[in-house]
């Protein structure tokens, strides 16, 4: 079965398409909104007091260029502003493989929580992603960079190394 359009119908359809393209009616409507996805936190315990760790986390975030939008000392929590995802910091798990190419127009913010555990302070660093792609996973690069610098800042000036670890002197 064949359909034949008269020249009037074709002209009408072409005119409608032309009008829609010039008025922007085709691409200006929001179809989907980004959702927030939280990544599991990376955690490290530091042999230090909470005030020192809080100060070290604050200094680390500032040194690494993060804008701190929430600093709650009573809850021992920091939240940064939104930044564009780095090329190798988050990925989409596609058929068991890490696909780093789907992170365009994806943003993240860092959340740092601190929990006292006796003479140690557990620091948890996680990211929240805002994306339309779907649930992305963290490579751990951002979290490791923050935790490493916090460890450098809270480490005692004098240390003693043994086969079981490092002790402050």
Protein backbone atom coordinates (compact mmCIF):
# COMPACT_ATOMS: atom_id res chain seq x y z
CA UNK A 1 0.00 0.00 0.00
CA UNK A 2 1.43 3.36 -0.99
CA UNK A 3 0.60 6.77 0.36
CA UNK A 4 0.71 9.76 -1.92
CA UNK A 5 0.79 13.28 -0.54
CA UNK A 6 -0.42 16.17 -2.55
CA UNK A 7 1.95 19.06 -3.08
CA UNK A 8 -0.16 21.18 -0.70
CA UNK A 9 0.33 18.71 2.17
CA UNK A 10 4.08 18.56 1.53
CA UNK A 11 4.32 22.36 1.46
CA UNK A 12 2.30 22.55 4.68
CA UNK A 13 4.56 20.00 6.43
CA UNK A 14 7.72 21.75 5.19
CA UNK A 15 6.37 25.10 6.38
CA UNK A 16 5.48 23.65 9.78
CA UNK A 17 8.98 22.17 10.14
CA UNK A 18 10.56 25.46 9.12
CA UNK A 19 8.41 27.39 11.60
CA UNK A 20 9.26 24.99 14.44
CA UNK A 21 12.99 25.22 13.71
CA UNK A 22 12.98 29.04 13.67
CA UNK A 23 10.84 29.50 16.77
CA UNK A 24 12.91 27.04 18.78
CA UNK A 25 9.94 24.88 19.68
CA UNK A 26 11.80 21.66 18.97
CA UNK A 27 14.75 21.84 21.40
CA UNK A 28 13.77 24.22 24.16
CA UNK A 29 11.45 22.03 26.16
CA UNK A 30 12.89 20.18 29.13
CA UNK A 31 12.48 16.47 28.62
CA UNK A 32 14.48 15.09 31.54
CA UNK A 33 16.01 16.46 34.76
CA UNK A 34 19.23 15.29 36.37
CA UNK A 35 19.07 13.18 39.51
CA UNK A 36 21.42 13.02 42.47
CA UNK A 37 23.40 9.83 43.04
CA UNK A 38 25.56 9.30 46.14
CA UNK A 39 28.73 7.25 45.86
CA UNK A 40 29.83 5.01 48.74
CA UNK A 41 32.30 6.81 51.03
CA UNK A 42 36.00 6.06 51.23
CA UNK A 43 37.16 6.05 54.85
CA UNK A 44 40.39 6.38 56.79
CA UNK A 45 41.03 6.52 60.54
CA UNK A 46 43.49 9.10 61.88
CA UNK A 47 45.22 9.05 65.26
CA UNK A 48 44.35 12.65 66.15
CA UNK A 49 41.74 14.77 67.89
CA UNK A 50 38.58 15.90 66.10
CA UNK A 51 39.49 19.61 66.08
CA UNK A 52 42.81 18.92 64.34
CA UNK A 53 41.18 16.67 61.76
CA UNK A 54 38.39 19.21 61.17
CA UNK A 55 40.99 21.92 60.56
CA UNK A 56 43.02 19.65 58.27
CA UNK A 57 39.94 18.77 56.19
CA UNK A 58 39.02 22.44 55.84
CA UNK A 59 42.56 23.34 54.77
CA UNK A 60 42.68 20.41 52.32
CA UNK A 61 39.42 21.36 50.63
CA UNK A 62 40.57 24.96 50.26
CA UNK A 63 44.03 23.88 48.98
CA UNK A 64 42.41 21.70 46.33
CA UNK A 65 40.18 24.53 45.10
CA UNK A 66 36.84 23.44 46.51
CA UNK A 67 34.30 26.05 47.58
CA UNK A 68 32.99 25.07 51.01
CA UNK A 69 29.24 25.75 51.12
CA UNK A 70 28.57 24.00 54.43
CA UNK A 71 30.95 23.66 57.36
CA UNK A 72 29.13 22.31 60.40
CA UNK A 73 31.53 21.79 63.30
CA UNK A 74 28.84 20.37 65.60
CA UNK A 75 28.02 17.63 63.07
CA UNK A 76 31.66 17.42 61.89
CA UNK A 77 30.66 17.76 58.24
CA UNK A 78 31.78 19.65 55.14
CA UNK A 79 29.92 19.97 51.84
CA UNK A 80 31.45 21.63 48.79
CA UNK A 81 29.90 23.39 45.81
CA UNK A 82 29.21 21.69 42.49
CA UNK A 83 32.07 21.12 40.03
CA UNK A 84 32.25 19.47 36.61
CA UNK A 85 33.29 15.83 36.80
CA UNK A 86 36.94 15.18 35.95
CA UNK A 87 37.63 12.92 32.98
CA UNK A 88 38.80 9.99 35.12
CA UNK A 89 37.01 10.48 38.43
CA UNK A 90 33.64 8.86 37.71
CA UNK A 91 32.46 6.24 35.25
CA UNK A 92 29.38 4.40 34.04
CA UNK A 93 29.49 0.64 34.55
CA UNK A 94 28.57 -0.58 31.08
CA UNK A 95 28.44 -4.37 30.76
CA UNK A 96 31.11 -4.79 33.43
CA UNK A 97 33.48 -2.23 31.92
CA UNK A 98 34.31 1.26 33.10
CA UNK A 99 33.06 3.79 30.55
CA UNK A 100 34.49 7.22 31.35
CA UNK A 101 33.00 8.80 28.21
CA UNK A 102 29.47 9.29 29.54
CA UNK A 103 30.31 11.95 32.11
CA UNK A 104 29.77 15.07 29.98
CA UNK A 105 27.45 17.57 31.68
CA UNK A 106 27.79 15.71 34.98
CA UNK A 107 28.60 17.58 38.19
CA UNK A 108 29.75 16.45 41.60
CA UNK A 109 30.12 17.80 45.11
CA UNK A 110 32.20 16.40 47.94
CA UNK A 111 30.85 15.53 51.38
CA UNK A 112 33.28 14.89 54.25
CA UNK A 113 32.02 13.46 57.55
CA UNK A 114 34.11 12.89 60.67
CA UNK A 115 33.27 10.43 63.45
CA UNK A 116 35.17 10.13 66.73
CA UNK A 117 36.13 6.58 67.66
CA UNK A 118 38.02 6.73 70.94
CA UNK A 119 41.46 8.23 70.28
CA UNK A 120 40.93 8.08 66.50
CA UNK A 121 38.79 10.04 64.08
CA UNK A 122 37.21 8.25 61.13
CA UNK A 123 36.98 10.48 58.03
CA UNK A 124 34.48 9.53 55.33
CA UNK A 125 34.72 11.21 51.92
CA UNK A 126 32.01 10.71 49.32
CA UNK A 127 30.70 12.44 46.23
CA UNK A 128 27.17 13.28 45.16
CA UNK A 129 26.66 13.31 41.40
CA UNK A 130 24.04 15.24 39.46
CA UNK A 131 23.53 13.69 36.03
CA UNK A 132 20.94 12.69 33.45
CA UNK A 133 23.00 9.67 32.35
CA UNK A 134 22.17 7.33 35.20
CA UNK A 135 24.01 6.01 38.20
CA UNK A 136 27.73 6.69 37.87
CA UNK A 137 30.40 5.16 40.08
CA UNK A 138 33.48 6.77 41.56
CA UNK A 139 37.00 5.73 40.60
CA UNK A 140 38.11 6.87 44.08
CA UNK A 141 40.59 9.40 42.70
CA UNK A 142 39.02 12.49 44.29
CA UNK A 143 38.42 10.80 47.63
CA UNK A 144 41.99 9.41 47.78
CA UNK A 145 43.50 12.80 46.97
CA UNK A 146 41.58 14.43 49.83
CA UNK A 147 42.30 11.67 52.35
CA UNK A 148 46.01 11.62 51.48
CA UNK A 149 46.40 15.34 52.06
CA UNK A 150 44.42 15.21 55.33
CA UNK A 151 46.75 12.43 56.48
CA UNK A 152 49.78 14.54 55.60
CA UNK A 153 48.41 17.49 57.60
CA UNK A 154 47.50 15.57 60.78
CA UNK A 155 50.64 13.41 60.88
CA UNK A 156 52.92 14.21 63.80
CA UNK A 157 56.23 15.93 63.04
CA UNK A 158 58.14 13.12 64.71
CA UNK A 159 57.19 9.57 63.86
CA UNK A 160 58.56 6.14 64.61
CA UNK A 161 58.14 3.35 62.10
CA UNK A 162 57.96 -0.33 62.93
CA UNK A 163 56.74 -3.47 61.24
CA UNK A 164 53.19 -2.79 62.52
CA UNK A 165 52.89 0.82 61.36
CA UNK A 166 53.69 4.41 62.24
CA UNK A 167 53.53 5.86 65.75
CA UNK A 168 53.71 9.51 66.74
CA UNK A 169 56.51 10.38 69.15
